[in-house]
Amino acid sequence: MLIFAAVSTDRLAAQPGVSIEMGSLTWDPATGTGVFPVLFTSNELIAGFQFDVVFDTPTGILSDACCGVAGSLGYDIGTGSTTVLGFSITLTPIPPVPAAQTLVEVTISTTNGLPYNGTICLENPVFADPNANSIVTNVGPCWDSGSIFRRGDCNGDLVFNLADTIYQLAFLFTAGPAGPCRDACDTNDDGSENLGDAIYSLAALFSGGPPPIAPGPVDCGPDDTSDALDCESYLNCN
């Protein structure tokens, strides 16, 4: 599982009316799907809602929505190509929620089966009370995956093999080009790109050494540590 950054629930609690915001995205490489909660607070009774899930790249797909407080109260929850909709045929209202809880859980997938790499925004919210009056709704900031990559794939060709070490040694010692994603070349994740990474890679490939540090060479993911390296381009996760 890959888990991407969470949000501040304090920001939600400080807003009047209804506030919604995307929570942490958990990606399952085995199924090629990701799930995130839509967190909310409210000081109103809610009888129905809808909002759009907007991706900034064409690879993102809205697949399903379920569960959460709405699901526990028997709401019918459905999705269209971009919209999540929830309502109660028994007119059961969602009571005020002063501390952030999960309204629904949203499932996404991608056209290429890889972890979604881009931003996701919740937009165009419509919340109504039992009298069909609109409720003022605040939307939190868009979620951003940050740079995701496969560690060890220094030359950016999708696989971790000897060619990556040769590419890195050429950069370090013969003025070869830098890798498109410096984090991917930092196989031991010590925050710098040097001979130690090449030695670490060779040990992983040929002498039973540990694999490149998380996210590793197989599944795409973010760099879990803060350092001076960055990942300007890694197209194979898009």
Protein backbone atom coordinates (compact mmCIF):
# COMPACT_ATOMS: atom_id res chain seq x y z
CA MET A 1 0.00 0.00 0.00
CA LEU A 2 1.12 3.54 -0.74
CA ILE A 3 -0.25 6.27 1.52
CA PHE A 4 -0.01 9.90 0.47
CA ALA A 5 -0.13 12.94 2.74
CA ALA A 6 -3.03 13.76 5.05
CA VAL A 7 -4.78 17.07 5.69
CA SER A 8 -5.26 19.27 8.72
CA THR A 9 -8.62 18.62 10.38
CA ASP A 10 -8.22 21.86 12.36
CA ARG A 11 -8.83 23.83 9.16
CA LEU A 12 -12.12 22.01 8.60
CA ALA A 13 -13.38 22.58 12.13
CA ALA A 14 -12.82 26.34 11.87
CA GLN A 15 -15.30 26.86 9.00
CA PRO A 16 -19.04 27.70 9.23
CA GLY A 17 -21.73 25.81 7.33
CA VAL A 18 -20.33 22.66 5.73
CA SER A 19 -16.64 22.14 5.00
CA ILE A 20 -15.23 19.30 2.90
CA GLU A 21 -11.68 18.31 2.10
CA MET A 22 -9.88 15.35 0.62
CA GLY A 23 -8.08 13.11 3.10
CA SER A 24 -5.10 10.79 2.56
CA LEU A 25 -5.03 8.73 -0.63
CA THR A 26 -4.14 5.06 -0.13
CA TRP A 27 -3.06 3.30 -3.31
CA ASP A 28 -3.20 -0.49 -3.68
CA PRO A 29 -0.81 -1.65 -6.46
CA ALA A 30 -2.44 -5.10 -6.44
CA THR A 31 -5.80 -3.73 -7.59
CA GLY A 32 -4.64 -0.56 -9.33
CA THR A 33 -7.05 1.54 -7.30
CA GLY A 34 -6.79 4.27 -4.71
CA VAL A 35 -9.20 5.22 -1.92
CA PHE A 36 -9.49 8.52 -0.09
CA PRO A 37 -11.97 9.83 2.49
CA VAL A 38 -13.87 13.05 1.92
CA LEU A 39 -13.62 14.65 5.35
CA PHE A 40 -16.32 17.05 6.50
CA THR A 41 -17.56 19.18 9.36
CA SER A 42 -20.99 20.78 9.58
CA ASN A 43 -23.16 22.85 11.89
CA GLU A 44 -26.25 22.13 9.78
CA LEU A 45 -28.55 19.17 9.11
CA ILE A 46 -27.63 17.70 5.71
CA ALA A 47 -30.28 15.94 3.59
CA GLY A 48 -28.34 15.55 0.36
CA PHE A 49 -25.07 16.45 -1.31
CA GLN A 50 -23.03 16.31 -4.46
CA PHE A 51 -19.57 17.42 -5.54
CA ASP A 52 -17.20 16.88 -8.43
CA VAL A 53 -13.88 15.03 -8.28
CA VAL A 54 -11.59 16.77 -10.76
CA PHE A 55 -8.25 15.36 -11.99
CA ASP A 56 -5.63 17.54 -13.66
CA THR A 57 -4.40 14.72 -15.92
CA PRO A 58 -6.44 12.43 -18.21
CA THR A 59 -5.20 9.28 -16.45
CA GLY A 60 -7.50 9.75 -13.43
CA ILE A 61 -10.82 7.90 -13.27
CA LEU A 62 -13.58 8.30 -10.67
CA SER A 63 -14.65 4.72 -9.98
CA ASP A 64 -16.92 4.54 -6.92
CA ALA A 65 -18.02 6.12 -3.64
CA CYS A 66 -19.44 4.51 -0.53
CA CYS A 67 -19.37 4.20 3.21
CA GLY A 68 -18.58 6.98 5.67
CA VAL A 69 -21.24 8.74 7.74
CA ALA A 70 -23.54 8.91 4.71
CA GLY A 71 -23.26 5.17 4.16
CA SER A 72 -23.88 4.38 7.83
CA LEU A 73 -27.16 6.34 7.66
CA GLY A 74 -28.35 4.39 4.63
CA TYR A 75 -27.76 7.07 2.03
CA ASP A 76 -27.86 6.13 -1.62
CA ILE A 77 -24.40 7.07 -2.89
CA GLY A 78 -23.57 7.07 -6.56
CA THR A 79 -20.97 8.35 -8.99
CA GLY A 80 -20.95 9.66 -12.53
CA SER A 81 -17.93 10.36 -14.67
CA THR A 82 -16.93 13.26 -12.39
CA THR A 83 -19.66 13.60 -9.75
CA VAL A 84 -20.35 12.00 -6.36
CA LEU A 85 -24.01 12.19 -5.27
CA GLY A 86 -25.60 11.22 -1.95
CA PHE A 87 -29.19 11.38 -0.70
CA SER A 88 -31.60 9.58 1.63
CA ILE A 89 -34.89 8.23 0.27
CA THR A 90 -36.13 8.15 3.88
CA LEU A 91 -35.11 11.80 4.34
CA THR A 92 -32.78 10.87 7.19
CA PRO A 93 -30.59 13.92 7.81
CA ILE A 94 -26.90 13.81 8.59
CA PRO A 95 -26.63 15.57 11.98
CA PRO A 96 -24.17 18.38 12.69
CA VAL A 97 -20.59 17.15 12.92
CA PRO A 98 -18.29 19.57 14.80
CA ALA A 99 -15.12 17.45 14.48
CA ALA A 100 -13.93 16.11 11.14
CA GLN A 101 -15.38 12.76 10.08
CA THR A 102 -15.56 10.84 6.81
CA LEU A 103 -18.58 11.79 4.71
CA VAL A 104 -17.88 9.15 2.03
CA GLU A 105 -14.93 7.15 0.76
CA VAL A 106 -14.05 7.68 -2.89
CA THR A 107 -12.34 5.08 -5.08
CA ILE A 108 -10.28 6.13 -8.08
CA SER A 109 -8.29 4.27 -10.71
CA THR A 110 -6.08 5.23 -13.63
CA THR A 111 -6.02 4.44 -17.32
CA ASN A 112 -2.56 2.89 -16.99
CA GLY A 113 -2.96 1.12 -13.63
CA LEU A 114 -0.15 3.16 -12.05
CA PRO A 115 -0.55 5.32 -8.93
CA TYR A 116 -2.22 8.61 -9.77
CA ASN A 117 0.38 11.33 -10.29
CA GLY A 118 -1.12 14.81 -10.24
CA THR A 119 -3.66 16.89 -8.36
CA ILE A 120 -7.21 16.04 -7.32
CA CYS A 121 -9.71 18.78 -6.49
CA LEU A 122 -13.17 18.66 -4.97
CA GLU A 123 -15.26 21.23 -6.85
CA ASN A 124 -18.83 22.47 -7.34
CA PRO A 125 -20.24 21.27 -4.01
CA VAL A 126 -24.00 21.39 -3.47
CA PHE A 127 -25.30 20.58 0.02
CA ALA A 128 -28.95 20.91 1.03
CA ASP A 129 -30.84 20.81 4.33
CA PRO A 130 -34.13 18.88 4.90
CA ASN A 131 -36.08 21.89 3.57
CA ALA A 132 -34.12 21.80 0.31
CA ASN A 133 -32.28 25.00 1.18
CA SER A 134 -28.68 25.29 0.02
CA ILE A 135 -26.03 25.20 2.73
CA VAL A 136 -22.93 27.37 2.48
CA THR A 137 -20.10 24.96 1.68
CA ASN A 138 -16.36 25.51 2.00
CA VAL A 139 -13.91 23.37 0.04
CA GLY A 140 -10.37 22.67 1.19
CA PRO A 141 -7.28 22.87 -1.03
CA CYS A 142 -6.62 20.46 -3.85
CA TRP A 143 -4.59 17.34 -3.09
CA ASP A 144 -1.22 16.95 -4.84
CA SER A 145 0.62 13.66 -5.15
CA GLY A 146 3.99 15.39 -5.28
CA SER A 147 6.68 13.69 -7.34
CA ILE A 148 6.39 9.92 -7.49
CA PHE A 149 8.97 7.60 -8.99
CA ARG A 150 10.66 4.18 -8.83
CA ARG A 151 13.85 4.36 -6.80
CA GLY A 152 16.77 2.82 -8.66
CA ASP A 153 15.43 3.62 -12.13
CA CYS A 154 18.09 6.27 -12.66
CA ASN A 155 17.84 6.43 -16.45
CA GLY A 156 14.03 6.55 -16.42
CA ASP A 157 13.40 3.51 -18.62
CA LEU A 158 10.91 1.87 -16.21
CA VAL A 159 13.17 -0.92 -14.92
CA PHE A 160 15.99 -1.22 -12.37
CA ASN A 161 19.02 -2.96 -13.88
CA LEU A 162 22.72 -2.58 -14.66
CA ALA A 163 21.99 0.14 -17.21
CA ASP A 164 20.93 2.44 -14.36
CA THR A 165 24.27 2.03 -12.60
CA ILE A 166 26.20 2.65 -15.81
CA TYR A 167 24.11 5.76 -16.44
CA GLN A 168 24.80 7.01 -12.93
CA LEU A 169 28.54 6.37 -13.10
CA ALA A 170 28.68 8.25 -16.40
CA PHE A 171 27.00 11.23 -14.71
CA LEU A 172 29.32 11.10 -11.72
CA PHE A 173 32.64 10.61 -13.51
CA THR A 174 32.46 11.30 -17.27
CA ALA A 175 30.14 14.32 -17.56
CA GLY A 176 27.15 12.25 -18.62
CA PRO A 177 23.65 13.70 -18.26
CA ALA A 178 21.89 13.75 -14.91
CA GLY A 179 18.98 11.42 -14.46
CA PRO A 180 15.50 12.88 -15.06
CA CYS A 181 14.66 12.20 -11.41
CA ARG A 182 17.55 12.66 -8.99
CA ASP A 183 15.61 10.96 -6.18
CA ALA A 184 15.38 7.82 -8.31
CA CYS A 185 19.19 7.76 -8.55
CA ASP A 186 19.63 8.07 -4.76
CA THR A 187 19.22 4.33 -4.22
CA ASN A 188 20.39 4.33 -0.59
CA ASP A 189 18.29 7.45 0.19
CA ASP A 190 21.05 9.33 1.99
CA GLY A 191 20.03 12.61 0.38
CA SER A 192 22.84 12.86 -2.15
CA GLU A 193 23.86 11.18 -5.39
CA ASN A 194 27.35 9.70 -5.19
CA LEU A 195 29.43 6.54 -5.63
CA GLY A 196 27.67 5.00 -2.64
CA ASP A 197 24.46 4.78 -4.67
CA ALA A 198 26.18 2.91 -7.49
CA ILE A 199 27.73 0.46 -5.01
CA TYR A 200 24.35 0.02 -3.30
CA SER A 201 22.69 -0.68 -6.67
CA LEU A 202 25.32 -3.23 -7.71
CA ALA A 203 24.94 -5.03 -4.38
CA ALA A 204 21.16 -5.14 -4.82
CA LEU A 205 21.44 -6.43 -8.36
CA PHE A 206 24.24 -8.98 -8.04
CA SER A 207 25.12 -9.92 -4.46
CA GLY A 208 21.88 -10.19 -2.52
CA GLY A 209 21.97 -6.70 -1.04
CA PRO A 210 18.80 -4.91 0.00
CA PRO A 211 16.72 -3.31 -2.76
CA PRO A 212 16.62 0.45 -3.26
CA ILE A 213 14.93 2.24 -0.36
CA ALA A 214 11.17 2.92 -0.50
CA PRO A 215 9.30 3.40 -2.72
CA GLY A 216 11.63 0.79 -4.22
CA PRO A 217 12.20 -0.20 -7.83
CA VAL A 218 8.83 -1.82 -8.60
CA ASP A 219 5.94 0.42 -7.49
CA CYS A 220 5.80 4.19 -7.91
CA GLY A 221 5.65 6.30 -4.77
CA PRO A 222 6.91 9.49 -3.12
CA ASP A 223 10.20 10.12 -1.34
CA ASP A 224 9.47 9.65 2.37
CA THR A 225 12.49 11.70 3.47
CA SER A 226 13.29 15.38 3.07
CA ASP A 227 16.55 16.16 1.28
CA ALA A 228 18.09 18.45 -1.31
CA LEU A 229 17.31 16.15 -4.24
CA ASP A 230 14.18 16.49 -6.33
CA CYS A 231 12.33 14.71 -9.09
CA GLU A 232 11.82 17.11 -11.98
CA SER A 233 10.49 14.52 -14.39
CA TYR A 234 9.53 10.86 -14.12
CA LEU A 235 7.07 10.19 -16.91
CA ASN A 236 6.71 6.46 -16.30
CA CYS A 237 4.34 7.01 -13.39
CA ASN A 238 1.96 9.23 -15.38
